[in-house]
Amino acid sequence: MSATASHIVTLTPAPTLDRTYFVTNLVSGAVNRADSVGEELAGKGINVSRGLHLAGIANIGIVPIGNADPAVLARTGSSDFLHPLWVDGTLRVSTTILENGGTTTKINETPRPLSHDDWNAVVELTEKTVRESGAKWLVIAGALPTYKETGTPVELQPLFEKMKSLGVKTALDTSGDALTHWAKRGAATMMKPNTEELASIVGRNLFTIGDVIDAAREVNSYGVELVLASLGADGMVAVTKDSAWSSKTDAVRVINTVGAGDATLAGFLCAVIQNPVAAGELDHGLDYNVALGVKTAVQWGALAVTQPTSGLTSVENLPTSYLYENPERSTPLDEPAIGKPS
């Protein structure tokens, strides 16, 4: 596949086959029968690409996929927007048990390791696709695999350096030790932690909107231009070194929270691509519209939790969202975040 014109390229380093079991009256420790089973090719970057594809935003998703299941793209309806790099092995499986009117339980397999050669091929394909498509954003999203040879995490720095040389912005959405590591490296343009992850990065508890803004500003100080902090029921806060906005929607009926964060990132990117800042001008010191981006992000996230799948199935009938510049710092979080010492 040759790259076509695209606003955004996504990279999902460790894609997964998501299987969702819909169950009524789940009994723990017993044999249960599923009412139905859904199957999707997923992973954070893939979910972002799928959402953008639904909205008509040109994008290409790069995915290293185990060649043991060559029909997976066609079977999951993913061929239109994904560009696979076939590698030896199987595709990991993630299992979600969604209880009717109850809880969501998710079990993720560990990402499949990649050889140094395979990862180098991923980096080369990503750069080539960005360059040939003329993309303005690269999204690196999801868990990071390890190298087969050493067991150490794959290296992202070459990607950040290549994108910087091309003038391409990078959005990084990962978790765990990798999130803290890359936050403190400050190599990404934008990062999207939730409050628990942000608390872990800075190693302290977050109880108020002000605490979240201060923690995000610490990440800004490492070099990350924009922090989009997901606050769950409290919506989202967008923070740069000089400005801050919060946004939320009215309450919605929650069916499945898996993939909601990916939907918010897709919504943000959709808004900034469709509403560009005039050439040569800046908005709050940036050349993209953060305020509109975060206002749209929470709409997409709220819509996502009302849908049963981990990836968006529609971007129609978005709920109303509310935007607040310089939000009240003393506002308590509905869900305080406990930080672990870094």
C-alpha atoms as a PDB file:
ATOM      1  CA  MET A   1       0.000   0.000   0.000  1.00  0.00           C
ATOM      2  CA  SER A   2       1.390   3.398  -0.952  1.00  0.00           C
ATOM      3  CA  ALA A   3       0.613   6.342   1.289  1.00  0.00           C
ATOM      4  CA  THR A   4      -2.173   8.665   0.167  1.00  0.00           C
ATOM      5  CA  ALA A   5      -2.721  12.236   1.347  1.00  0.00           C
ATOM      6  CA  SER A   6      -3.478  12.089   5.050  1.00  0.00           C
ATOM      7  CA  HIS A   7      -3.755  14.571   7.909  1.00  0.00           C
ATOM      8  CA  ILE A   8      -2.802  12.036  10.572  1.00  0.00           C
ATOM      9  CA  VAL A   9      -0.800   8.832  10.847  1.00  0.00           C
ATOM     10  CA  THR A  10      -1.304   6.563  13.848  1.00  0.00           C
ATOM     11  CA  LEU A  11       1.038   3.871  15.108  1.00  0.00           C
ATOM     12  CA  THR A  12      -0.228   1.045  17.304  1.00  0.00           C
ATOM     13  CA  PRO A  13       2.946  -0.794  18.378  1.00  0.00           C
ATOM     14  CA  ALA A  14       1.042  -3.680  20.027  1.00  0.00           C
ATOM     15  CA  PRO A  15      -2.349  -4.238  18.362  1.00  0.00           C
ATOM     16  CA  THR A  16      -4.841  -6.659  19.834  1.00  0.00           C
ATOM     17  CA  LEU A  17      -7.867  -8.675  18.820  1.00  0.00           C
ATOM     18  CA  ASP A  18     -10.601  -7.470  21.171  1.00  0.00           C
ATOM     19  CA  ARG A  19     -13.248 -10.031  22.031  1.00  0.00           C
ATOM     20  CA  THR A  20     -16.207  -8.736  24.038  1.00  0.00           C
ATOM     21  CA  TYR A  21     -18.551 -11.159  25.804  1.00  0.00           C
ATOM     22  CA  PHE A  22     -21.968  -9.699  26.675  1.00  0.00           C
ATOM     23  CA  VAL A  23     -23.326 -11.539  29.726  1.00  0.00           C
ATOM     24  CA  THR A  24     -26.514 -11.269  31.780  1.00  0.00           C
ATOM     25  CA  ASN A  25     -26.270 -11.994  35.535  1.00  0.00           C
ATOM     26  CA  LEU A  26     -22.584 -12.892  35.595  1.00  0.00           C
ATOM     27  CA  VAL A  27     -21.688 -15.340  38.371  1.00  0.00           C
ATOM     28  CA  SER A  28     -18.036 -15.176  39.398  1.00  0.00           C
ATOM     29  CA  GLY A  29     -16.346 -18.570  39.633  1.00  0.00           C
ATOM     30  CA  ALA A  30     -19.119 -20.318  37.717  1.00  0.00           C
ATOM     31  CA  VAL A  31     -19.800 -21.313  34.114  1.00  0.00           C
ATOM     32  CA  ASN A  32     -21.555 -18.456  32.305  1.00  0.00           C
ATOM     33  CA  ARG A  33     -23.075 -18.297  28.838  1.00  0.00           C
ATOM     34  CA  ALA A  34     -22.578 -15.186  26.729  1.00  0.00           C
ATOM     35  CA  ASP A  35     -25.635 -13.555  25.171  1.00  0.00           C
ATOM     36  CA  SER A  36     -23.416 -12.487  22.252  1.00  0.00           C
ATOM     37  CA  VAL A  37     -19.760 -12.014  21.349  1.00  0.00           C
ATOM     38  CA  GLY A  38     -18.166  -9.126  19.451  1.00  0.00           C
ATOM     39  CA  GLU A  39     -14.753  -9.041  17.790  1.00  0.00           C
ATOM     40  CA  GLU A  40     -12.657  -6.029  16.767  1.00  0.00           C
ATOM     41  CA  LEU A  41      -9.086  -5.337  15.764  1.00  0.00           C
ATOM     42  CA  ALA A  42      -8.101  -2.816  18.401  1.00  0.00           C
ATOM     43  CA  GLY A  43      -5.386  -1.043  20.304  1.00  0.00           C
ATOM     44  CA  LYS A  44      -5.294   2.656  21.118  1.00  0.00           C
ATOM     45  CA  GLY A  45      -3.952   3.872  17.782  1.00  0.00           C
ATOM     46  CA  ILE A  46      -6.363   1.682  15.825  1.00  0.00           C
ATOM     47  CA  ASN A  47      -9.278   3.016  17.870  1.00  0.00           C
ATOM     48  CA  VAL A  48      -8.159   6.583  17.123  1.00  0.00           C
ATOM     49  CA  SER A  49      -7.890   5.788  13.408  1.00  0.00           C
ATOM     50  CA  ARG A  50     -11.322   4.167  13.369  1.00  0.00           C
ATOM     51  CA  GLY A  51     -12.926   7.203  14.994  1.00  0.00           C
ATOM     52  CA  LEU A  52     -11.241   9.604  12.567  1.00  0.00           C
ATOM     53  CA  HIS A  53     -12.275   7.372   9.651  1.00  0.00           C
ATOM     54  CA  LEU A  54     -15.908   7.568  10.792  1.00  0.00           C
ATOM     55  CA  ALA A  55     -15.650  11.371  10.809  1.00  0.00           C
ATOM     56  CA  GLY A  56     -14.149  11.476   7.319  1.00  0.00           C
ATOM     57  CA  ILE A  57     -10.703  12.602   8.503  1.00  0.00           C
ATOM     58  CA  ALA A  58      -8.010  11.157   6.237  1.00  0.00           C
ATOM     59  CA  ASN A  59      -5.618   9.031   8.270  1.00  0.00           C
ATOM     60  CA  ILE A  60      -3.457   5.928   7.970  1.00  0.00           C
ATOM     61  CA  GLY A  61      -2.895   3.451  10.795  1.00  0.00           C
ATOM     62  CA  ILE A  62       0.429   1.589  10.979  1.00  0.00           C
ATOM     63  CA  VAL A  63       0.187  -1.788  12.746  1.00  0.00           C
ATOM     64  CA  PRO A  64       2.685  -4.636  13.137  1.00  0.00           C
ATOM     65  CA  ILE A  65       0.437  -7.721  13.017  1.00  0.00           C
ATOM     66  CA  GLY A  66       1.309 -11.374  13.544  1.00  0.00           C
ATOM     67  CA  ASN A  67       1.037 -13.222  10.247  1.00  0.00           C
ATOM     68  CA  ALA A  68      -0.719 -16.245  11.782  1.00  0.00           C
ATOM     69  CA  ASP A  69      -4.083 -14.545  11.126  1.00  0.00           C
ATOM     70  CA  PRO A  70      -3.831 -12.960   7.653  1.00  0.00           C
ATOM     71  CA  ALA A  71      -7.608 -12.525   7.320  1.00  0.00           C
ATOM     72  CA  VAL A  72      -7.984 -10.354  10.416  1.00  0.00           C
ATOM     73  CA  LEU A  73      -8.119  -7.007   8.584  1.00  0.00           C
ATOM     74  CA  ALA A  74     -10.920  -8.052   6.263  1.00  0.00           C
ATOM     75  CA  ARG A  75     -12.793  -9.941   8.993  1.00  0.00           C
ATOM     76  CA  THR A  76     -12.848  -6.924  11.309  1.00  0.00           C
ATOM     77  CA  GLY A  77     -13.547  -4.327   8.610  1.00  0.00           C
ATOM     78  CA  SER A  78     -10.201  -2.594   9.159  1.00  0.00           C
ATOM     79  CA  SER A  79      -8.671  -2.740   5.681  1.00  0.00           C
ATOM     80  CA  ASP A  80      -9.744   0.757   4.619  1.00  0.00           C
ATOM     81  CA  PHE A  81      -7.627   2.693   7.094  1.00  0.00           C
ATOM     82  CA  LEU A  82      -4.908   0.340   8.391  1.00  0.00           C
ATOM     83  CA  HIS A  83      -1.507  -0.320   6.827  1.00  0.00           C
ATOM     84  CA  PRO A  84      -0.180  -3.617   8.245  1.00  0.00           C
ATOM     85  CA  LEU A  85       3.413  -4.672   8.641  1.00  0.00           C
ATOM     86  CA  TRP A  86       3.235  -8.457   8.844  1.00  0.00           C
ATOM     87  CA  VAL A  87       5.596  -9.975  11.414  1.00  0.00           C
ATOM     88  CA  ASP A  88       6.152 -13.552  12.538  1.00  0.00           C
ATOM     89  CA  GLY A  89       3.794 -14.756  15.241  1.00  0.00           C
ATOM     90  CA  THR A  90       0.248 -14.430  16.501  1.00  0.00           C
ATOM     91  CA  LEU A  91      -1.920 -11.450  17.363  1.00  0.00           C
ATOM     92  CA  ARG A  92      -2.516 -10.969  21.079  1.00  0.00           C
ATOM     93  CA  VAL A  93      -6.092 -11.229  22.336  1.00  0.00           C
ATOM     94  CA  SER A  94      -7.819  -8.964  24.857  1.00  0.00           C
ATOM     95  CA  THR A  95     -11.005 -10.188  26.516  1.00  0.00           C
ATOM     96  CA  THR A  96     -13.779  -7.941  27.835  1.00  0.00           C
ATOM     97  CA  ILE A  97     -16.692  -9.263  29.875  1.00  0.00           C
ATOM     98  CA  LEU A  98     -19.524  -6.746  29.806  1.00  0.00           C
ATOM     99  CA  GLU A  99     -22.284  -7.521  32.295  1.00  0.00           C
ATOM    100  CA  ASN A 100     -25.721  -6.207  31.364  1.00  0.00           C
ATOM    101  CA  GLY A 101     -26.326  -3.329  33.763  1.00  0.00           C
ATOM    102  CA  GLY A 102     -23.196  -4.188  35.697  1.00  0.00           C
ATOM    103  CA  THR A 103     -19.430  -3.990  35.572  1.00  0.00           C
ATOM    104  CA  THR A 104     -16.897  -4.221  32.759  1.00  0.00           C
ATOM    105  CA  THR A 105     -13.985  -6.638  33.239  1.00  0.00           C
ATOM    106  CA  LYS A 106     -11.059  -6.532  30.816  1.00  0.00           C
ATOM    107  CA  ILE A 107      -8.087  -8.902  30.572  1.00  0.00           C
ATOM    108  CA  ASN A 108      -5.260  -7.867  28.239  1.00  0.00           C
ATOM    109  CA  GLU A 109      -2.555 -10.212  27.039  1.00  0.00           C
ATOM    110  CA  THR A 110       0.993  -8.930  27.270  1.00  0.00           C
ATOM    111  CA  PRO A 111       2.174  -7.340  23.989  1.00  0.00           C
ATOM    112  CA  ARG A 112       3.972  -9.716  21.644  1.00  0.00           C
ATOM    113  CA  PRO A 113       7.746  -9.037  21.579  1.00  0.00           C
ATOM    114  CA  LEU A 114       9.263  -7.791  18.318  1.00  0.00           C
ATOM    115  CA  SER A 115      12.743  -8.383  16.980  1.00  0.00           C
ATOM    116  CA  HIS A 116      15.065  -5.412  16.521  1.00  0.00           C
ATOM    117  CA  ASP A 117      14.707  -5.856  12.766  1.00  0.00           C
ATOM    118  CA  ASP A 118      10.899  -5.839  12.962  1.00  0.00           C
ATOM    119  CA  TRP A 119      10.842  -2.702  15.123  1.00  0.00           C
ATOM    120  CA  ASN A 120      13.303  -0.938  12.836  1.00  0.00           C
ATOM    121  CA  ALA A 121      10.975  -1.814   9.951  1.00  0.00           C
ATOM    122  CA  VAL A 122       8.038  -0.310  11.901  1.00  0.00           C
ATOM    123  CA  VAL A 123       9.981   2.933  12.429  1.00  0.00           C
ATOM    124  CA  GLU A 124      11.008   3.091   8.761  1.00  0.00           C
ATOM    125  CA  LEU A 125       7.465   2.400   7.527  1.00  0.00           C
ATOM    126  CA  THR A 126       6.030   5.024   9.873  1.00  0.00           C
ATOM    127  CA  GLU A 127       8.479   7.697   8.724  1.00  0.00           C
ATOM    128  CA  LYS A 128       7.908   6.793   5.057  1.00  0.00           C
ATOM    129  CA  THR A 129       4.123   6.950   5.487  1.00  0.00           C
ATOM    130  CA  VAL A 130       4.234  10.305   7.275  1.00  0.00           C
ATOM    131  CA  ARG A 131       6.576  11.765   4.680  1.00  0.00           C
ATOM    132  CA  GLU A 132       4.633  10.503   1.646  1.00  0.00           C
ATOM    133  CA  SER A 133       1.181  11.355   3.030  1.00  0.00           C
ATOM    134  CA  GLY A 134       2.076  14.874   4.148  1.00  0.00           C
ATOM    135  CA  ALA A 135       0.627  14.190   7.605  1.00  0.00           C
ATOM    136  CA  LYS A 136       0.856  16.899  10.257  1.00  0.00           C
ATOM    137  CA  TRP A 137       0.379  14.632  13.285  1.00  0.00           C
ATOM    138  CA  LEU A 138       1.750  11.249  14.302  1.00  0.00           C
ATOM    139  CA  VAL A 139      -0.139   9.458  17.072  1.00  0.00           C
ATOM    140  CA  ILE A 140       1.800   6.756  18.955  1.00  0.00           C
ATOM    141  CA  ALA A 141      -0.733   4.999  21.124  1.00  0.00           C
ATOM    142  CA  GLY A 142      -1.077   1.892  23.242  1.00  0.00           C
ATOM    143  CA  ALA A 143       1.191  -0.503  25.076  1.00  0.00           C
ATOM    144  CA  LEU A 144       4.780  -0.799  23.912  1.00  0.00           C
ATOM    145  CA  PRO A 145       6.259  -4.210  23.054  1.00  0.00           C
ATOM    146  CA  THR A 146       9.691  -5.374  24.125  1.00  0.00           C
ATOM    147  CA  TYR A 147      12.576  -6.547  21.979  1.00  0.00           C
ATOM    148  CA  LYS A 148      12.743 -10.316  21.576  1.00  0.00           C
ATOM    149  CA  GLU A 149      16.511 -10.273  21.955  1.00  0.00           C
ATOM    150  CA  THR A 150      16.786  -8.273  25.202  1.00  0.00           C
ATOM    151  CA  GLY A 151      13.350  -7.991  26.813  1.00  0.00           C
ATOM    152  CA  THR A 152      13.745  -4.203  27.011  1.00  0.00           C
ATOM    153  CA  PRO A 153      11.050  -1.828  25.711  1.00  0.00           C
ATOM    154  CA  VAL A 154      11.255  -0.743  22.092  1.00  0.00           C
ATOM    155  CA  GLU A 155      12.938   2.613  21.520  1.00  0.00           C
ATOM    156  CA  LEU A 156      10.712   5.545  20.515  1.00  0.00           C
ATOM    157  CA  GLN A 157      13.340   8.271  20.408  1.00  0.00           C
ATOM    158  CA  PRO A 158      14.201   7.757  16.700  1.00  0.00           C
ATOM    159  CA  LEU A 159      10.533   8.331  15.845  1.00  0.00           C
ATOM    160  CA  PHE A 160      10.386  11.559  17.837  1.00  0.00           C
ATOM    161  CA  GLU A 161      13.584  12.797  16.209  1.00  0.00           C
ATOM    162  CA  LYS A 162      12.398  11.927  12.699  1.00  0.00           C
ATOM    163  CA  MET A 163       9.058  13.667  13.260  1.00  0.00           C
ATOM    164  CA  LYS A 164      10.753  16.779  14.644  1.00  0.00           C
ATOM    165  CA  SER A 165      12.957  16.977  11.545  1.00  0.00           C
ATOM    166  CA  LEU A 166       9.817  16.777   9.374  1.00  0.00           C
ATOM    167  CA  GLY A 167       7.945  19.425  11.374  1.00  0.00           C
ATOM    168  CA  VAL A 168       5.323  16.849  12.412  1.00  0.00           C
ATOM    169  CA  LYS A 169       3.608  16.995  15.815  1.00  0.00           C
ATOM    170  CA  THR A 170       3.546  13.844  17.953  1.00  0.00           C
ATOM    171  CA  ALA A 171       0.825  12.694  20.327  1.00  0.00           C
ATOM    172  CA  LEU A 172       1.810   9.928  22.757  1.00  0.00           C
ATOM    173  CA  ASP A 173      -0.776   7.918  24.700  1.00  0.00           C
ATOM    174  CA  THR A 174       0.669   5.004  26.637  1.00  0.00           C
ATOM    175  CA  SER A 175       0.709   3.832  30.255  1.00  0.00           C
ATOM    176  CA  GLY A 176       2.768   2.424  33.103  1.00  0.00           C
ATOM    177  CA  ASP A 177       6.510   2.881  33.328  1.00  0.00           C
ATOM    178  CA  ALA A 178       6.671   3.867  29.654  1.00  0.00           C
ATOM    179  CA  LEU A 179       4.346   6.814  30.273  1.00  0.00           C
ATOM    180  CA  THR A 180       6.474   8.177  33.100  1.00  0.00           C
ATOM    181  CA  HIS A 181       9.703   7.580  31.179  1.00  0.00           C
ATOM    182  CA  TRP A 182       8.566   9.418  28.062  1.00  0.00           C
ATOM    183  CA  ALA A 183       6.837  12.201  29.999  1.00  0.00           C
ATOM    184  CA  LYS A 184      10.140  13.007  31.670  1.00  0.00           C
ATOM    185  CA  ARG A 185      11.985  12.802  28.354  1.00  0.00           C
ATOM    186  CA  GLY A 186       9.658  15.528  27.050  1.00  0.00           C
ATOM    187  CA  ALA A 187       9.959  14.341  23.451  1.00  0.00           C
ATOM    188  CA  ALA A 188       6.249  14.312  22.495  1.00  0.00           C
ATOM    189  CA  THR A 189       4.265  17.384  21.500  1.00  0.00           C
ATOM    190  CA  MET A 190       1.214  16.160  23.400  1.00  0.00           C
ATOM    191  CA  MET A 191       0.437  13.476  25.994  1.00  0.00           C
ATOM    192  CA  LYS A 192      -2.940  12.238  27.271  1.00  0.00           C
ATOM    193  CA  PRO A 193      -2.708  10.710  30.751  1.00  0.00           C
ATOM    194  CA  ASN A 194      -5.656  10.123  33.031  1.00  0.00           C
ATOM    195  CA  THR A 195      -5.499  11.511  36.565  1.00  0.00           C
ATOM    196  CA  GLU A 196      -4.097   8.298  38.080  1.00  0.00           C
ATOM    197  CA  GLU A 197      -1.351   8.230  35.464  1.00  0.00           C
ATOM    198  CA  LEU A 198      -0.614  11.924  35.906  1.00  0.00           C
ATOM    199  CA  ALA A 199      -0.407  11.446  39.679  1.00  0.00           C
ATOM    200  CA  SER A 200       2.086   8.611  39.155  1.00  0.00           C
ATOM    201  CA  ILE A 201       4.237  10.724  36.831  1.00  0.00           C
ATOM    202  CA  VAL A 202       4.632  13.494  39.416  1.00  0.00           C
ATOM    203  CA  GLY A 203       4.557  11.190  42.458  1.00  0.00           C
ATOM    204  CA  ARG A 204       1.845  12.955  44.468  1.00  0.00           C
ATOM    205  CA  ASN A 205      -1.891  12.888  45.100  1.00  0.00           C
ATOM    206  CA  LEU A 206      -4.327  14.958  43.059  1.00  0.00           C
ATOM    207  CA  PHE A 207      -7.486  16.139  44.805  1.00  0.00           C
ATOM    208  CA  THR A 208      -8.539  19.281  42.933  1.00  0.00           C
ATOM    209  CA  ILE A 209      -8.535  20.771  39.437  1.00  0.00           C
ATOM    210  CA  GLY A 210      -5.665  22.958  40.612  1.00  0.00           C
ATOM    211  CA  ASP A 211      -3.653  19.877  41.574  1.00  0.00           C
ATOM    212  CA  VAL A 212      -4.200  18.478  38.081  1.00  0.00           C
ATOM    213  CA  ILE A 213      -3.120  21.741  36.433  1.00  0.00           C
ATOM    214  CA  ASP A 214       0.032  21.919  38.580  1.00  0.00           C
ATOM    215  CA  ALA A 215       0.932  18.302  37.782  1.00  0.00           C
ATOM    216  CA  ALA A 216       0.348  18.891  34.072  1.00  0.00           C
ATOM    217  CA  ARG A 217       2.529  22.027  34.226  1.00  0.00           C
ATOM    218  CA  GLU A 218       5.305  19.866  35.642  1.00  0.00           C
ATOM    219  CA  VAL A 219       5.015  17.657  32.565  1.00  0.00           C
ATOM    220  CA  ASN A 220       5.022  20.821  30.414  1.00  0.00           C
ATOM    221  CA  SER A 221       8.309  21.762  32.064  1.00  0.00           C
ATOM    222  CA  TYR A 222       9.882  18.537  30.762  1.00  0.00           C
ATOM    223  CA  GLY A 223       9.145  19.705  27.204  1.00  0.00           C
ATOM    224  CA  VAL A 224       5.648  18.343  26.492  1.00  0.00           C
ATOM    225  CA  GLU A 225       3.749  21.228  24.886  1.00  0.00           C
ATOM    226  CA  LEU A 226       0.223  20.098  25.762  1.00  0.00           C
ATOM    227  CA  VAL A 227      -1.163  17.758  28.414  1.00  0.00           C
ATOM    228  CA  LEU A 228      -4.720  16.469  27.972  1.00  0.00           C
ATOM    229  CA  ALA A 229      -5.665  15.049  31.358  1.00  0.00           C
ATOM    230  CA  SER A 230      -8.720  12.763  31.413  1.00  0.00           C
ATOM    231  CA  LEU A 231     -10.716  13.208  34.624  1.00  0.00           C
ATOM    232  CA  GLY A 232     -13.386  10.525  34.192  1.00  0.00           C
ATOM    233  CA  ALA A 233     -16.762  11.925  35.223  1.00  0.00           C
ATOM    234  CA  ASP A 234     -15.129  15.364  35.649  1.00  0.00           C
ATOM    235  CA  GLY A 235     -14.356  15.593  31.926  1.00  0.00           C
ATOM    236  CA  MET A 236     -10.940  16.739  30.773  1.00  0.00           C
ATOM    237  CA  VAL A 237      -8.376  19.452  31.440  1.00  0.00           C
ATOM    238  CA  ALA A 238      -6.040  20.773  28.727  1.00  0.00           C
ATOM    239  CA  VAL A 239      -2.882  22.430  30.014  1.00  0.00           C
ATOM    240  CA  THR A 240      -0.006  24.292  28.388  1.00  0.00           C
ATOM    241  CA  LYS A 241       2.731  26.224  30.167  1.00  0.00           C
ATOM    242  CA  ASP A 242       0.630  29.408  29.967  1.00  0.00           C
ATOM    243  CA  SER A 243      -3.029  28.383  29.635  1.00  0.00           C
ATOM    244  CA  ALA A 244      -5.575  25.884  30.943  1.00  0.00           C
ATOM    245  CA  TRP A 245      -9.090  24.851  29.952  1.00  0.00           C
ATOM    246  CA  SER A 246     -11.533  22.315  31.374  1.00  0.00           C
ATOM    247  CA  SER A 247     -14.471  20.783  29.577  1.00  0.00           C
ATOM    248  CA  LYS A 248     -17.215  18.287  30.350  1.00  0.00           C
ATOM    249  CA  THR A 249     -20.616  17.126  29.132  1.00  0.00           C
ATOM    250  CA  ASP A 250     -23.852  16.417  30.903  1.00  0.00           C
ATOM    251  CA  ALA A 251     -24.087  12.938  32.418  1.00  0.00           C
ATOM    252  CA  VAL A 252     -24.676  10.094  29.941  1.00  0.00           C
ATOM    253  CA  ARG A 253     -25.744   6.468  30.324  1.00  0.00           C
ATOM    254  CA  VAL A 254     -22.528   4.451  30.571  1.00  0.00           C
ATOM    255  CA  ILE A 255     -22.462   1.065  28.809  1.00  0.00           C
ATOM    256  CA  ASN A 256     -18.760   0.405  28.167  1.00  0.00           C
ATOM    257  CA  THR A 257     -15.818   2.584  29.221  1.00  0.00           C
ATOM    258  CA  VAL A 258     -13.179   0.628  27.259  1.00  0.00           C
ATOM    259  CA  GLY A 259     -11.763   2.823  24.487  1.00  0.00           C
ATOM    260  CA  ALA A 260     -13.276   6.080  25.757  1.00  0.00           C
ATOM    261  CA  GLY A 261      -9.847   7.665  26.142  1.00  0.00           C
ATOM    262  CA  ASP A 262      -9.000   6.784  22.539  1.00  0.00           C
ATOM    263  CA  ALA A 263     -12.232   8.440  21.438  1.00  0.00           C
ATOM    264  CA  THR A 264     -11.305  11.647  23.250  1.00  0.00           C
ATOM    265  CA  LEU A 265      -7.953  11.783  21.451  1.00  0.00           C
ATOM    266  CA  ALA A 266      -9.652  11.173  18.100  1.00  0.00           C
ATOM    267  CA  GLY A 267     -12.171  13.923  18.869  1.00  0.00           C
ATOM    268  CA  PHE A 268      -9.407  16.365  19.770  1.00  0.00           C
ATOM    269  CA  LEU A 269      -7.526  15.675  16.545  1.00  0.00           C
ATOM    270  CA  CYS A 270     -10.694  15.856  14.457  1.00  0.00           C
ATOM    271  CA  ALA A 271     -11.427  19.334  15.822  1.00  0.00           C
ATOM    272  CA  VAL A 272      -7.937  20.757  15.323  1.00  0.00           C
ATOM    273  CA  ILE A 273      -7.678  19.335  11.799  1.00  0.00           C
ATOM    274  CA  GLN A 274     -11.104  20.611  10.737  1.00  0.00           C
ATOM    275  CA  ASN A 275     -10.585  24.033  12.350  1.00  0.00           C
ATOM    276  CA  PRO A 276      -6.983  25.044  11.630  1.00  0.00           C
ATOM    277  CA  VAL A 277      -5.408  28.192  12.992  1.00  0.00           C
ATOM    278  CA  ALA A 278      -4.644  30.615  10.165  1.00  0.00           C
ATOM    279  CA  ALA A 279      -1.195  30.189   8.647  1.00  0.00           C
ATOM    280  CA  GLY A 280       1.387  32.264  10.483  1.00  0.00           C
ATOM    281  CA  GLU A 281      -0.933  32.934  13.439  1.00  0.00           C
ATOM    282  CA  LEU A 282      -0.985  31.469  16.939  1.00  0.00           C
ATOM    283  CA  ASP A 283      -3.785  30.691  19.396  1.00  0.00           C
ATOM    284  CA  HIS A 284      -2.598  31.005  23.001  1.00  0.00           C
ATOM    285  CA  GLY A 285       0.933  30.546  21.682  1.00  0.00           C
ATOM    286  CA  LEU A 286       0.165  27.383  19.689  1.00  0.00           C
ATOM    287  CA  ASP A 287      -0.613  26.794  16.023  1.00  0.00           C
ATOM    288  CA  TYR A 288      -3.643  24.592  16.748  1.00  0.00           C
ATOM    289  CA  ASN A 289      -6.913  25.263  18.568  1.00  0.00           C
ATOM    290  CA  VAL A 290      -6.612  23.576  21.961  1.00  0.00           C
ATOM    291  CA  ALA A 291      -9.840  25.015  23.375  1.00  0.00           C
ATOM    292  CA  LEU A 292     -12.004  23.662  20.576  1.00  0.00           C
ATOM    293  CA  GLY A 293     -10.022  20.435  20.639  1.00  0.00           C
ATOM    294  CA  VAL A 294     -10.727  19.673  24.300  1.00  0.00           C
ATOM    295  CA  LYS A 295     -14.376  20.762  23.960  1.00  0.00           C
ATOM    296  CA  THR A 296     -14.811  18.227  21.162  1.00  0.00           C
ATOM    297  CA  ALA A 297     -12.708  15.565  22.901  1.00  0.00           C
ATOM    298  CA  VAL A 298     -15.122  15.244  25.820  1.00  0.00           C
ATOM    299  CA  GLN A 299     -18.072  14.979  23.426  1.00  0.00           C
ATOM    300  CA  TRP A 300     -16.473  12.023  21.652  1.00  0.00           C
ATOM    301  CA  GLY A 301     -15.485  10.404  24.951  1.00  0.00           C
ATOM    302  CA  ALA A 302     -18.990  10.756  26.372  1.00  0.00           C
ATOM    303  CA  LEU A 303     -20.463   9.282  23.201  1.00  0.00           C
ATOM    304  CA  ALA A 304     -17.998   6.374  23.327  1.00  0.00           C
ATOM    305  CA  VAL A 305     -19.096   5.181  26.775  1.00  0.00           C
ATOM    306  CA  THR A 306     -22.690   4.898  25.534  1.00  0.00           C
ATOM    307  CA  GLN A 307     -21.646   2.402  22.839  1.00  0.00           C
ATOM    308  CA  PRO A 308     -20.956  -1.299  23.531  1.00  0.00           C
ATOM    309  CA  THR A 309     -17.709  -1.669  21.534  1.00  0.00           C
ATOM    310  CA  SER A 310     -14.161  -0.581  22.393  1.00  0.00           C
ATOM    311  CA  GLY A 311     -14.010   1.441  19.165  1.00  0.00           C
ATOM    312  CA  LEU A 312     -16.516   4.087  18.116  1.00  0.00           C
ATOM    313  CA  THR A 313     -19.301   2.897  15.845  1.00  0.00           C
ATOM    314  CA  SER A 314     -20.728   6.372  15.183  1.00  0.00           C
ATOM    315  CA  VAL A 315     -19.831  10.024  15.757  1.00  0.00           C
ATOM    316  CA  GLU A 316     -23.383  11.310  15.300  1.00  0.00           C
ATOM    317  CA  ASN A 317     -25.617  12.884  17.966  1.00  0.00           C
ATOM    318  CA  LEU A 318     -22.727  14.151  20.070  1.00  0.00           C
ATOM    319  CA  PRO A 319     -23.740  15.418  23.517  1.00  0.00           C
ATOM    320  CA  THR A 320     -23.395  19.105  24.366  1.00  0.00           C
ATOM    321  CA  SER A 321     -20.114  20.059  25.996  1.00  0.00           C
ATOM    322  CA  TYR A 322     -19.126  23.033  28.151  1.00  0.00           C
ATOM    323  CA  LEU A 323     -15.757  24.817  28.075  1.00  0.00           C
ATOM    324  CA  TYR A 324     -14.151  26.801  30.901  1.00  0.00           C
ATOM    325  CA  GLU A 325     -10.969  28.810  30.441  1.00  0.00           C
ATOM    326  CA  ASN A 326      -8.870  29.139  33.591  1.00  0.00           C
ATOM    327  CA  PRO A 327     -11.086  26.704  35.552  1.00  0.00           C
ATOM    328  CA  GLU A 328     -11.633  27.158  39.262  1.00  0.00           C
ATOM    329  CA  ARG A 329      -8.586  25.566  40.888  1.00  0.00           C
ATOM    330  CA  SER A 330     -10.312  24.678  44.162  1.00  0.00           C
ATOM    331  CA  THR A 331     -12.933  22.465  42.484  1.00  0.00           C
ATOM    332  CA  PRO A 332     -12.580  18.972  44.007  1.00  0.00           C
ATOM    333  CA  LEU A 333     -12.267  15.938  41.753  1.00  0.00           C
ATOM    334  CA  ASP A 334     -15.075  13.398  41.940  1.00  0.00           C
ATOM    335  CA  GLU A 335     -12.361  10.732  41.654  1.00  0.00           C
ATOM    336  CA  PRO A 336      -9.146  11.859  43.440  1.00  0.00           C
ATOM    337  CA  ALA A 337      -5.934  10.276  42.131  1.00  0.00           C
ATOM    338  CA  ILE A 338      -3.309   8.723  44.361  1.00  0.00           C
ATOM    339  CA  GLY A 339       0.233   9.133  43.102  1.00  0.00           C
ATOM    340  CA  LYS A 340       2.947   6.553  43.522  1.00  0.00           C
ATOM    341  CA  PRO A 341       6.488   7.803  44.153  1.00  0.00           C
ATOM    342  CA  SER A 342       8.340   7.935  40.843  1.00  0.00           C
END
